[in-house]
Amino acid sequence: MKKVILFVSVALISVFSYAQKKTTTSAVINFDATTPLDEYPKAENKTAVAMLNTKKGELSFEATIKNFSFTNPVIQDHFNGEKWMNSDKFPTAVFKGKINNASAVDFSKAGTYSAEISGDLSIKGIAKPVSTKADIVVGADGVISTTAMFNITLADYGIEGGAIKAGKVDDTPSISVSAKF
């Protein structure tokens, strides 16, 4: 119920601010830590919340850790456990950033634009800077789609363990993020 109220509030604010802020509750984040030894440390979260402020060039994502879905339930348990994401204590991961070259993106004109994104990614209460390139597609219908991919170093966020040391989990997994606003 709280999510519904929050979403409706954000939607109303967006309408009153002349659609400068666009939001979605169905952004997709993929986590891929596969290695030649193990193809299963791969997950998807289809319920991330995202916000794009087209006027200020601000961009943010928030993902509930327990919503990452793995094909192997044992890996999912490890992922949410204390040694990994500790999702009971740190239930969300958050990115807050900006489009560095926002003036090169015309949100009022259909087209495909290359964007440079930078900001802070917070996992387990630890914020680290992240920079990447992203594609922004403005559709003829005004729908804006964003996609980006980057790597993180698990140890930077206090994530370590035997599976990483054994080579079963990549210590620098790739993360892809996509959203339609």
N, C-alpha and C. Protein backbone atom coordinates (compact mmCIF):
# COMPACT_ATOMS: atom_id res chain seq x y z
N MET A 1 0.82 -1.19 0.00
CA MET A 1 0.00 0.00 0.00
C MET A 1 0.86 1.25 0.00
N LYS A 2 1.96 1.21 0.78
CA LYS A 2 2.85 2.37 0.83
C LYS A 2 3.46 2.64 -0.54
N LYS A 3 3.80 1.56 -1.28
CA LYS A 3 4.38 1.73 -2.61
C LYS A 3 3.38 2.38 -3.55
N VAL A 4 2.12 2.00 -3.45
CA VAL A 4 1.08 2.56 -4.31
C VAL A 4 0.91 4.05 -4.02
N ILE A 5 0.86 4.41 -2.74
CA ILE A 5 0.72 5.81 -2.37
C ILE A 5 1.94 6.60 -2.85
N LEU A 6 3.14 6.04 -2.67
CA LEU A 6 4.34 6.71 -3.11
C LEU A 6 4.33 6.90 -4.63
N PHE A 7 3.95 5.85 -5.34
CA PHE A 7 3.93 5.93 -6.81
C PHE A 7 2.92 6.97 -7.28
N VAL A 8 1.72 6.97 -6.72
CA VAL A 8 0.69 7.94 -7.11
C VAL A 8 1.17 9.36 -6.80
N SER A 9 1.81 9.56 -5.66
CA SER A 9 2.33 10.88 -5.29
C SER A 9 3.38 11.34 -6.29
N VAL A 10 4.30 10.44 -6.63
CA VAL A 10 5.34 10.79 -7.60
C VAL A 10 4.72 11.09 -8.96
N ALA A 11 3.72 10.32 -9.35
CA ALA A 11 3.06 10.55 -10.64
C ALA A 11 2.38 11.92 -10.67
N LEU A 12 1.70 12.27 -9.60
CA LEU A 12 1.03 13.58 -9.54
C LEU A 12 2.03 14.72 -9.57
N ILE A 13 3.11 14.56 -8.84
CA ILE A 13 4.15 15.59 -8.85
C ILE A 13 4.71 15.74 -10.26
N SER A 14 4.89 14.62 -10.94
CA SER A 14 5.40 14.66 -12.31
C SER A 14 4.47 15.44 -13.23
N VAL A 15 3.17 15.22 -13.09
CA VAL A 15 2.20 15.93 -13.93
C VAL A 15 2.27 17.42 -13.67
N PHE A 16 2.35 17.80 -12.40
CA PHE A 16 2.36 19.21 -12.05
C PHE A 16 3.68 19.90 -12.37
N SER A 17 4.73 19.15 -12.57
CA SER A 17 6.01 19.77 -12.90
C SER A 17 6.29 19.69 -14.40
N TYR A 18 5.20 19.65 -15.18
CA TYR A 18 5.27 19.65 -16.65
C TYR A 18 6.09 18.49 -17.19
N ALA A 19 5.98 17.36 -16.58
CA ALA A 19 6.60 16.12 -17.04
C ALA A 19 8.12 16.22 -17.10
N GLN A 20 8.71 17.06 -16.26
CA GLN A 20 10.17 17.13 -16.19
C GLN A 20 10.72 15.87 -15.54
N LYS A 21 10.01 15.35 -14.54
CA LYS A 21 10.42 14.13 -13.87
C LYS A 21 9.59 12.98 -14.40
N LYS A 22 10.29 11.97 -14.88
CA LYS A 22 9.63 10.77 -15.37
C LYS A 22 10.03 9.63 -14.45
N THR A 23 9.07 8.76 -14.14
CA THR A 23 9.34 7.65 -13.23
C THR A 23 8.82 6.34 -13.80
N THR A 24 9.35 5.26 -13.28
CA THR A 24 8.85 3.93 -13.59
C THR A 24 9.10 3.03 -12.38
N THR A 25 8.26 2.04 -12.22
CA THR A 25 8.46 1.04 -11.17
C THR A 25 8.79 -0.32 -11.77
N SER A 26 9.15 -0.33 -13.05
CA SER A 26 9.45 -1.61 -13.70
C SER A 26 10.76 -1.55 -14.49
N ALA A 27 11.72 -0.81 -13.97
CA ALA A 27 13.05 -0.83 -14.58
C ALA A 27 13.65 -2.22 -14.35
N VAL A 28 14.54 -2.63 -15.23
CA VAL A 28 15.13 -3.96 -15.15
C VAL A 28 16.63 -3.84 -14.90
N ILE A 29 17.09 -4.57 -13.88
CA ILE A 29 18.52 -4.61 -13.58
C ILE A 29 18.97 -6.06 -13.65
N ASN A 30 20.00 -6.31 -14.44
CA ASN A 30 20.58 -7.64 -14.56
C ASN A 30 21.95 -7.66 -13.90
N PHE A 31 22.20 -8.71 -13.15
CA PHE A 31 23.46 -8.92 -12.44
C PHE A 31 24.08 -10.18 -13.01
N ASP A 32 25.31 -10.09 -13.53
CA ASP A 32 25.95 -11.25 -14.15
C ASP A 32 27.36 -11.42 -13.58
N ALA A 33 27.51 -12.43 -12.73
CA ALA A 33 28.81 -12.76 -12.13
C ALA A 33 29.26 -14.15 -12.57
N THR A 34 28.85 -14.56 -13.77
CA THR A 34 29.20 -15.89 -14.26
C THR A 34 30.70 -15.98 -14.54
N THR A 35 31.19 -17.20 -14.46
CA THR A 35 32.59 -17.49 -14.76
C THR A 35 32.63 -18.78 -15.57
N PRO A 36 33.78 -19.14 -16.12
CA PRO A 36 33.87 -20.44 -16.80
C PRO A 36 33.56 -21.63 -15.88
N LEU A 37 33.70 -21.44 -14.57
CA LEU A 37 33.42 -22.53 -13.63
C LEU A 37 31.95 -22.62 -13.23
N ASP A 38 31.21 -21.51 -13.38
CA ASP A 38 29.82 -21.52 -12.94
C ASP A 38 29.00 -20.51 -13.75
N GLU A 39 27.97 -21.01 -14.41
CA GLU A 39 27.13 -20.14 -15.24
C GLU A 39 25.88 -19.64 -14.50
N TYR A 40 25.73 -19.99 -13.24
CA TYR A 40 24.50 -19.66 -12.53
C TYR A 40 24.47 -18.37 -11.70
N PRO A 41 25.59 -17.76 -11.38
CA PRO A 41 25.46 -16.51 -10.60
C PRO A 41 25.01 -15.34 -11.50
N LYS A 42 23.78 -15.44 -11.94
CA LYS A 42 23.18 -14.46 -12.83
C LYS A 42 21.76 -14.21 -12.33
N ALA A 43 21.37 -12.93 -12.21
CA ALA A 43 20.05 -12.62 -11.67
C ALA A 43 19.43 -11.44 -12.40
N GLU A 44 18.11 -11.34 -12.21
CA GLU A 44 17.37 -10.24 -12.83
C GLU A 44 16.38 -9.68 -11.81
N ASN A 45 16.24 -8.37 -11.84
CA ASN A 45 15.27 -7.68 -10.99
C ASN A 45 14.42 -6.81 -11.92
N LYS A 46 13.13 -7.12 -12.02
CA LYS A 46 12.25 -6.39 -12.93
C LYS A 46 11.38 -5.36 -12.22
N THR A 47 11.70 -5.06 -10.97
CA THR A 47 10.85 -4.17 -10.19
C THR A 47 11.61 -2.97 -9.63
N ALA A 48 12.69 -2.59 -10.27
CA ALA A 48 13.45 -1.43 -9.79
C ALA A 48 12.67 -0.15 -10.06
N VAL A 49 12.81 0.80 -9.19
CA VAL A 49 12.18 2.11 -9.34
C VAL A 49 13.23 3.04 -9.96
N ALA A 50 12.82 3.81 -10.96
CA ALA A 50 13.76 4.72 -11.62
C ALA A 50 13.11 6.08 -11.80
N MET A 51 13.96 7.12 -11.80
CA MET A 51 13.51 8.49 -12.00
C MET A 51 14.48 9.18 -12.96
N LEU A 52 13.90 9.92 -13.89
CA LEU A 52 14.68 10.70 -14.83
C LEU A 52 14.12 12.12 -14.83
N ASN A 53 14.97 13.09 -14.52
CA ASN A 53 14.57 14.49 -14.57
C ASN A 53 15.16 15.05 -15.87
N THR A 54 14.30 15.24 -16.86
CA THR A 54 14.77 15.66 -18.19
C THR A 54 15.27 17.10 -18.20
N LYS A 55 14.82 17.91 -17.28
CA LYS A 55 15.26 19.30 -17.24
C LYS A 55 16.64 19.45 -16.60
N LYS A 56 16.87 18.71 -15.51
CA LYS A 56 18.13 18.82 -14.78
C LYS A 56 19.16 17.76 -15.18
N GLY A 57 18.73 16.73 -15.93
CA GLY A 57 19.65 15.67 -16.32
C GLY A 57 19.99 14.73 -15.18
N GLU A 58 19.10 14.62 -14.21
CA GLU A 58 19.32 13.73 -13.07
C GLU A 58 18.70 12.37 -13.34
N LEU A 59 19.34 11.35 -12.80
CA LEU A 59 18.89 9.98 -13.02
C LEU A 59 19.12 9.19 -11.74
N SER A 60 18.14 8.37 -11.35
CA SER A 60 18.32 7.54 -10.17
C SER A 60 17.58 6.22 -10.33
N PHE A 61 18.09 5.21 -9.65
CA PHE A 61 17.50 3.88 -9.62
C PHE A 61 17.54 3.37 -8.20
N GLU A 62 16.54 2.60 -7.81
CA GLU A 62 16.54 1.94 -6.52
C GLU A 62 16.00 0.53 -6.71
N ALA A 63 16.76 -0.45 -6.24
CA ALA A 63 16.37 -1.85 -6.40
C ALA A 63 16.28 -2.54 -5.05
N THR A 64 15.20 -3.26 -4.83
CA THR A 64 15.07 -4.10 -3.64
C THR A 64 15.89 -5.35 -3.87
N ILE A 65 16.84 -5.61 -2.98
CA ILE A 65 17.78 -6.71 -3.15
C ILE A 65 17.07 -8.06 -3.24
N LYS A 66 16.05 -8.29 -2.42
CA LYS A 66 15.36 -9.58 -2.43
C LYS A 66 14.57 -9.82 -3.72
N ASN A 67 14.43 -8.79 -4.55
CA ASN A 67 13.71 -8.97 -5.82
C ASN A 67 14.60 -9.45 -6.95
N PHE A 68 15.89 -9.65 -6.68
CA PHE A 68 16.77 -10.25 -7.69
C PHE A 68 16.45 -11.74 -7.73
N SER A 69 16.18 -12.24 -8.91
CA SER A 69 15.76 -13.63 -9.07
C SER A 69 16.86 -14.43 -9.79
N PHE A 70 17.32 -15.49 -9.13
CA PHE A 70 18.31 -16.41 -9.69
C PHE A 70 17.61 -17.70 -10.10
N THR A 71 18.16 -18.42 -11.07
CA THR A 71 17.58 -19.70 -11.46
C THR A 71 17.88 -20.77 -10.41
N ASN A 72 18.96 -20.60 -9.67
CA ASN A 72 19.34 -21.56 -8.65
C ASN A 72 18.99 -20.97 -7.28
N PRO A 73 18.03 -21.57 -6.55
CA PRO A 73 17.61 -21.01 -5.26
C PRO A 73 18.72 -20.98 -4.21
N VAL A 74 19.70 -21.87 -4.30
CA VAL A 74 20.81 -21.87 -3.34
C VAL A 74 21.64 -20.60 -3.52
N ILE A 75 21.89 -20.23 -4.77
CA ILE A 75 22.64 -19.00 -5.04
C ILE A 75 21.84 -17.79 -4.55
N GLN A 76 20.53 -17.81 -4.75
CA GLN A 76 19.70 -16.71 -4.28
C GLN A 76 19.79 -16.56 -2.76
N ASP A 77 19.79 -17.68 -2.04
CA ASP A 77 19.94 -17.63 -0.58
C ASP A 77 21.29 -17.03 -0.18
N HIS A 78 22.35 -17.47 -0.87
CA HIS A 78 23.69 -16.92 -0.58
C HIS A 78 23.73 -15.42 -0.89
N PHE A 79 23.15 -15.02 -2.02
CA PHE A 79 23.14 -13.62 -2.45
C PHE A 79 22.50 -12.72 -1.39
N ASN A 80 21.41 -13.19 -0.79
CA ASN A 80 20.69 -12.40 0.21
C ASN A 80 21.28 -12.54 1.62
N GLY A 81 22.19 -13.48 1.79
CA GLY A 81 22.75 -13.76 3.11
C GLY A 81 23.69 -12.68 3.63
N GLU A 82 24.09 -12.85 4.89
CA GLU A 82 24.92 -11.86 5.59
C GLU A 82 26.28 -11.63 4.93
N LYS A 83 26.90 -12.67 4.38
CA LYS A 83 28.24 -12.51 3.79
C LYS A 83 28.19 -11.81 2.44
N TRP A 84 27.03 -11.84 1.80
CA TRP A 84 26.91 -11.19 0.49
C TRP A 84 26.18 -9.87 0.64
N MET A 85 24.93 -9.81 0.25
CA MET A 85 24.20 -8.55 0.22
C MET A 85 23.56 -8.19 1.56
N ASN A 86 23.41 -9.17 2.44
CA ASN A 86 22.80 -8.94 3.75
C ASN A 86 21.50 -8.13 3.58
N SER A 87 20.61 -8.67 2.78
CA SER A 87 19.41 -7.94 2.36
C SER A 87 18.43 -7.64 3.50
N ASP A 88 18.54 -8.34 4.61
CA ASP A 88 17.69 -7.98 5.75
C ASP A 88 18.15 -6.66 6.37
N LYS A 89 19.45 -6.45 6.45
CA LYS A 89 19.99 -5.23 7.02
C LYS A 89 20.07 -4.10 5.98
N PHE A 90 20.38 -4.44 4.73
CA PHE A 90 20.51 -3.47 3.64
C PHE A 90 19.56 -3.86 2.52
N PRO A 91 18.30 -3.51 2.63
CA PRO A 91 17.28 -4.02 1.69
C PRO A 91 17.32 -3.44 0.28
N THR A 92 18.03 -2.33 0.06
CA THR A 92 18.03 -1.73 -1.27
C THR A 92 19.44 -1.36 -1.72
N ALA A 93 19.59 -1.28 -3.03
CA ALA A 93 20.77 -0.70 -3.67
C ALA A 93 20.27 0.53 -4.41
N VAL A 94 21.04 1.62 -4.35
CA VAL A 94 20.59 2.89 -4.91
C VAL A 94 21.68 3.53 -5.76
N PHE A 95 21.30 4.02 -6.93
CA PHE A 95 22.19 4.83 -7.77
C PHE A 95 21.57 6.20 -7.90
N LYS A 96 22.36 7.24 -7.64
CA LYS A 96 21.95 8.61 -7.85
C LYS A 96 23.03 9.29 -8.67
N GLY A 97 22.61 9.82 -9.82
CA GLY A 97 23.62 10.42 -10.68
C GLY A 97 23.05 11.44 -11.63
N LYS A 98 23.84 11.72 -12.64
CA LYS A 98 23.45 12.72 -13.62
C LYS A 98 23.95 12.34 -15.00
N ILE A 99 23.33 12.97 -15.98
CA ILE A 99 23.79 12.84 -17.37
C ILE A 99 24.77 13.98 -17.57
N ASN A 100 26.05 13.65 -17.71
CA ASN A 100 27.08 14.67 -17.80
C ASN A 100 26.95 15.54 -19.05
N ASN A 101 26.49 14.94 -20.13
CA ASN A 101 26.32 15.67 -21.38
C ASN A 101 24.84 15.86 -21.71
N ALA A 102 24.07 16.25 -20.72
CA ALA A 102 22.61 16.37 -20.88
C ALA A 102 22.22 17.32 -22.01
N SER A 103 23.03 18.30 -22.30
CA SER A 103 22.71 19.24 -23.37
C SER A 103 22.74 18.57 -24.74
N ALA A 104 23.38 17.41 -24.85
CA ALA A 104 23.44 16.67 -26.11
C ALA A 104 22.21 15.78 -26.32
N VAL A 105 21.33 15.72 -25.33
CA VAL A 105 20.13 14.88 -25.41
C VAL A 105 18.92 15.80 -25.51
N ASP A 106 18.19 15.69 -26.62
CA ASP A 106 16.96 16.49 -26.80
C ASP A 106 15.77 15.60 -26.46
N PHE A 107 15.27 15.73 -25.24
CA PHE A 107 14.19 14.88 -24.77
C PHE A 107 12.86 15.18 -25.46
N SER A 108 12.80 16.25 -26.24
CA SER A 108 11.57 16.60 -26.94
C SER A 108 11.58 16.15 -28.40
N LYS A 109 12.68 15.53 -28.84
CA LYS A 109 12.82 15.13 -30.23
C LYS A 109 13.17 13.64 -30.33
N ALA A 110 12.42 12.92 -31.14
CA ALA A 110 12.67 11.49 -31.32
C ALA A 110 14.08 11.27 -31.85
N GLY A 111 14.74 10.27 -31.29
CA GLY A 111 16.09 9.94 -31.73
C GLY A 111 16.82 9.10 -30.71
N THR A 112 18.04 8.71 -31.08
CA THR A 112 18.90 7.93 -30.20
C THR A 112 20.09 8.79 -29.82
N TYR A 113 20.35 8.88 -28.53
CA TYR A 113 21.40 9.74 -28.02
C TYR A 113 22.37 8.95 -27.16
N SER A 114 23.66 9.29 -27.26
CA SER A 114 24.68 8.69 -26.40
C SER A 114 24.86 9.61 -25.20
N ALA A 115 24.83 9.03 -24.02
CA ALA A 115 24.94 9.81 -22.80
C ALA A 115 26.10 9.31 -21.95
N GLU A 116 26.69 10.23 -21.23
CA GLU A 116 27.72 9.90 -20.26
C GLU A 116 27.09 10.08 -18.89
N ILE A 117 27.08 9.00 -18.12
CA ILE A 117 26.42 8.97 -16.82
C ILE A 117 27.47 8.85 -15.72
N SER A 118 27.29 9.60 -14.64
CA SER A 118 28.15 9.42 -13.47
C SER A 118 27.32 9.66 -12.22
N GLY A 119 27.73 9.00 -11.15
CA GLY A 119 27.01 9.16 -9.90
C GLY A 119 27.56 8.20 -8.86
N ASP A 120 26.79 8.02 -7.80
CA ASP A 120 27.20 7.13 -6.72
C ASP A 120 26.26 5.94 -6.63
N LEU A 121 26.84 4.76 -6.56
CA LEU A 121 26.09 3.52 -6.35
C LEU A 121 26.30 3.10 -4.91
N SER A 122 25.20 2.95 -4.17
CA SER A 122 25.25 2.55 -2.76
C SER A 122 24.75 1.12 -2.62
N ILE A 123 25.62 0.27 -2.11
CA ILE A 123 25.30 -1.12 -1.84
C ILE A 123 25.80 -1.42 -0.43
N LYS A 124 24.95 -2.01 0.38
CA LYS A 124 25.30 -2.35 1.77
C LYS A 124 25.76 -1.12 2.54
N GLY A 125 25.19 0.03 2.23
CA GLY A 125 25.53 1.26 2.94
C GLY A 125 26.84 1.89 2.51
N ILE A 126 27.46 1.35 1.48
CA ILE A 126 28.74 1.87 0.99
C ILE A 126 28.50 2.51 -0.37
N ALA A 127 28.84 3.78 -0.50
CA ALA A 127 28.66 4.51 -1.76
C ALA A 127 30.00 4.60 -2.49
N LYS A 128 29.98 4.25 -3.77
CA LYS A 128 31.17 4.32 -4.62
C LYS A 128 30.79 5.01 -5.93
N PRO A 129 31.72 5.80 -6.49
CA PRO A 129 31.42 6.45 -7.77
C PRO A 129 31.37 5.44 -8.91
N VAL A 130 30.44 5.69 -9.83
CA VAL A 130 30.29 4.85 -11.03
C VAL A 130 30.14 5.79 -12.22
N SER A 131 30.82 5.46 -13.30
CA SER A 131 30.68 6.20 -14.55
C SER A 131 30.50 5.21 -15.68
N THR A 132 29.64 5.54 -16.63
CA THR A 132 29.41 4.66 -17.76
C THR A 132 28.78 5.43 -18.90
N LYS A 133 28.70 4.78 -20.03
CA LYS A 133 27.98 5.34 -21.17
C LYS A 133 26.60 4.70 -21.20
N ALA A 134 25.63 5.44 -21.71
CA ALA A 134 24.27 4.93 -21.79
C ALA A 134 23.67 5.34 -23.12
N ASP A 135 22.69 4.59 -23.55
CA ASP A 135 21.90 4.95 -24.73
C ASP A 135 20.56 5.44 -24.23
N ILE A 136 20.15 6.57 -24.77
CA ILE A 136 18.83 7.12 -24.47
C ILE A 136 18.09 7.22 -25.78
N VAL A 137 16.93 6.58 -25.83
CA VAL A 137 16.10 6.60 -27.03
C VAL A 137 14.80 7.33 -26.70
N VAL A 138 14.55 8.39 -27.45
CA VAL A 138 13.30 9.12 -27.32
C VAL A 138 12.42 8.69 -28.48
N GLY A 139 11.31 8.04 -28.17
CA GLY A 139 10.41 7.55 -29.20
C GLY A 139 9.52 8.65 -29.75
N ALA A 140 8.96 8.40 -30.92
CA ALA A 140 8.04 9.36 -31.54
C ALA A 140 6.83 9.59 -30.65
N ASP A 141 6.51 8.60 -29.79
CA ASP A 141 5.38 8.72 -28.87
C ASP A 141 5.76 9.41 -27.56
N GLY A 142 7.02 9.85 -27.45
CA GLY A 142 7.48 10.53 -26.24
C GLY A 142 8.01 9.61 -25.17
N VAL A 143 7.93 8.30 -25.38
CA VAL A 143 8.46 7.35 -24.40
C VAL A 143 9.99 7.40 -24.47
N ILE A 144 10.60 7.50 -23.30
CA ILE A 144 12.06 7.56 -23.22
C ILE A 144 12.56 6.23 -22.66
N SER A 145 13.50 5.61 -23.38
CA SER A 145 14.11 4.36 -22.94
C SER A 145 15.59 4.60 -22.67
N THR A 146 16.08 4.04 -21.58
CA THR A 146 17.50 4.16 -21.25
C THR A 146 18.09 2.78 -21.03
N THR A 147 19.33 2.61 -21.46
CA THR A 147 20.06 1.37 -21.19
C THR A 147 21.51 1.72 -20.88
N ALA A 148 22.08 1.01 -19.92
CA ALA A 148 23.48 1.21 -19.55
C ALA A 148 24.04 -0.08 -19.00
N MET A 149 25.35 -0.21 -19.08
CA MET A 149 26.03 -1.38 -18.54
C MET A 149 27.34 -0.94 -17.91
N PHE A 150 27.66 -1.53 -16.75
CA PHE A 150 28.91 -1.20 -16.07
C PHE A 150 29.32 -2.37 -15.19
N ASN A 151 30.54 -2.32 -14.70
CA ASN A 151 31.05 -3.35 -13.80
C ASN A 151 31.32 -2.72 -12.44
N ILE A 152 31.20 -3.55 -11.41
CA ILE A 152 31.58 -3.13 -10.07
C ILE A 152 32.58 -4.14 -9.52
N THR A 153 33.30 -3.75 -8.50
CA THR A 153 34.19 -4.67 -7.79
C THR A 153 33.52 -5.03 -6.47
N LEU A 154 33.20 -6.30 -6.31
CA LEU A 154 32.45 -6.75 -5.13
C LEU A 154 33.14 -6.37 -3.82
N ALA A 155 34.46 -6.50 -3.77
CA ALA A 155 35.19 -6.20 -2.54
C ALA A 155 35.01 -4.73 -2.12
N ASP A 156 34.79 -3.83 -3.08
CA ASP A 156 34.56 -2.42 -2.76
C ASP A 156 33.33 -2.23 -1.89
N TYR A 157 32.40 -3.16 -1.97
CA TYR A 157 31.16 -3.08 -1.20
C TYR A 157 31.13 -4.09 -0.05
N GLY A 158 32.29 -4.62 0.30
CA GLY A 158 32.37 -5.56 1.42
C GLY A 158 31.80 -6.92 1.10
N ILE A 159 31.79 -7.29 -0.18
CA ILE A 159 31.26 -8.59 -0.58
C ILE A 159 32.43 -9.49 -0.93
N GLU A 160 32.64 -10.51 -0.11
CA GLU A 160 33.72 -11.45 -0.33
C GLU A 160 33.23 -12.84 0.07
N GLY A 161 33.96 -13.84 -0.32
CA GLY A 161 33.56 -15.18 0.09
C GLY A 161 34.30 -16.25 -0.66
N GLY A 162 34.08 -17.47 -0.22
CA GLY A 162 34.76 -18.62 -0.80
C GLY A 162 34.47 -18.82 -2.28
N ALA A 163 33.23 -18.58 -2.70
CA ALA A 163 32.88 -18.79 -4.11
C ALA A 163 33.64 -17.83 -5.01
N ILE A 164 33.89 -16.63 -4.53
CA ILE A 164 34.65 -15.65 -5.31
C ILE A 164 36.11 -16.10 -5.40
N LYS A 165 36.67 -16.48 -4.25
CA LYS A 165 38.07 -16.94 -4.21
C LYS A 165 38.27 -18.21 -5.02
N ALA A 166 37.25 -19.06 -5.09
CA ALA A 166 37.34 -20.31 -5.84
C ALA A 166 37.11 -20.11 -7.34
N GLY A 167 36.75 -18.91 -7.75
CA GLY A 167 36.53 -18.63 -9.17
C GLY A 167 35.14 -19.00 -9.66
N LYS A 168 34.21 -19.29 -8.76
CA LYS A 168 32.86 -19.63 -9.16
C LYS A 168 31.99 -18.39 -9.36
N VAL A 169 32.41 -17.27 -8.80
CA VAL A 169 31.69 -16.00 -8.93
C VAL A 169 32.71 -14.94 -9.36
N ASP A 170 32.39 -14.22 -10.42
CA ASP A 170 33.27 -13.16 -10.91
C ASP A 170 33.35 -12.05 -9.87
N ASP A 171 34.55 -11.61 -9.54
CA ASP A 171 34.71 -10.56 -8.54
C ASP A 171 34.43 -9.16 -9.09
N THR A 172 34.22 -9.06 -10.42
CA THR A 172 33.84 -7.79 -11.04
C THR A 172 32.65 -8.04 -11.96
N PRO A 173 31.49 -8.33 -11.39
CA PRO A 173 30.31 -8.65 -12.22
C PRO A 173 29.85 -7.46 -13.05
N SER A 174 29.15 -7.78 -14.14
CA SER A 174 28.57 -6.72 -14.95
C SER A 174 27.12 -6.51 -14.51
N ILE A 175 26.72 -5.26 -14.58
CA ILE A 175 25.37 -4.88 -14.23
C ILE A 175 24.80 -4.08 -15.38
N SER A 176 23.62 -4.48 -15.83
CA SER A 176 22.95 -3.71 -16.89
C SER A 176 21.63 -3.19 -16.33
N VAL A 177 21.30 -2.00 -16.76
CA VAL A 177 20.10 -1.33 -16.27
C VAL A 177 19.33 -0.82 -17.48
N SER A 178 18.03 -1.07 -17.51
CA SER A 178 17.19 -0.54 -18.58
C SER A 178 15.86 -0.08 -17.99
N ALA A 179 15.36 1.01 -18.57
CA ALA A 179 14.09 1.56 -18.07
C ALA A 179 13.37 2.26 -19.20
N LYS A 180 12.03 2.21 -19.12
CA LYS A 180 11.17 2.97 -20.03
C LYS A 180 10.37 3.95 -19.18
N PHE A 181 10.46 5.22 -19.57
CA PHE A 181 9.76 6.27 -18.82
C PHE A 181 8.60 6.81 -19.65
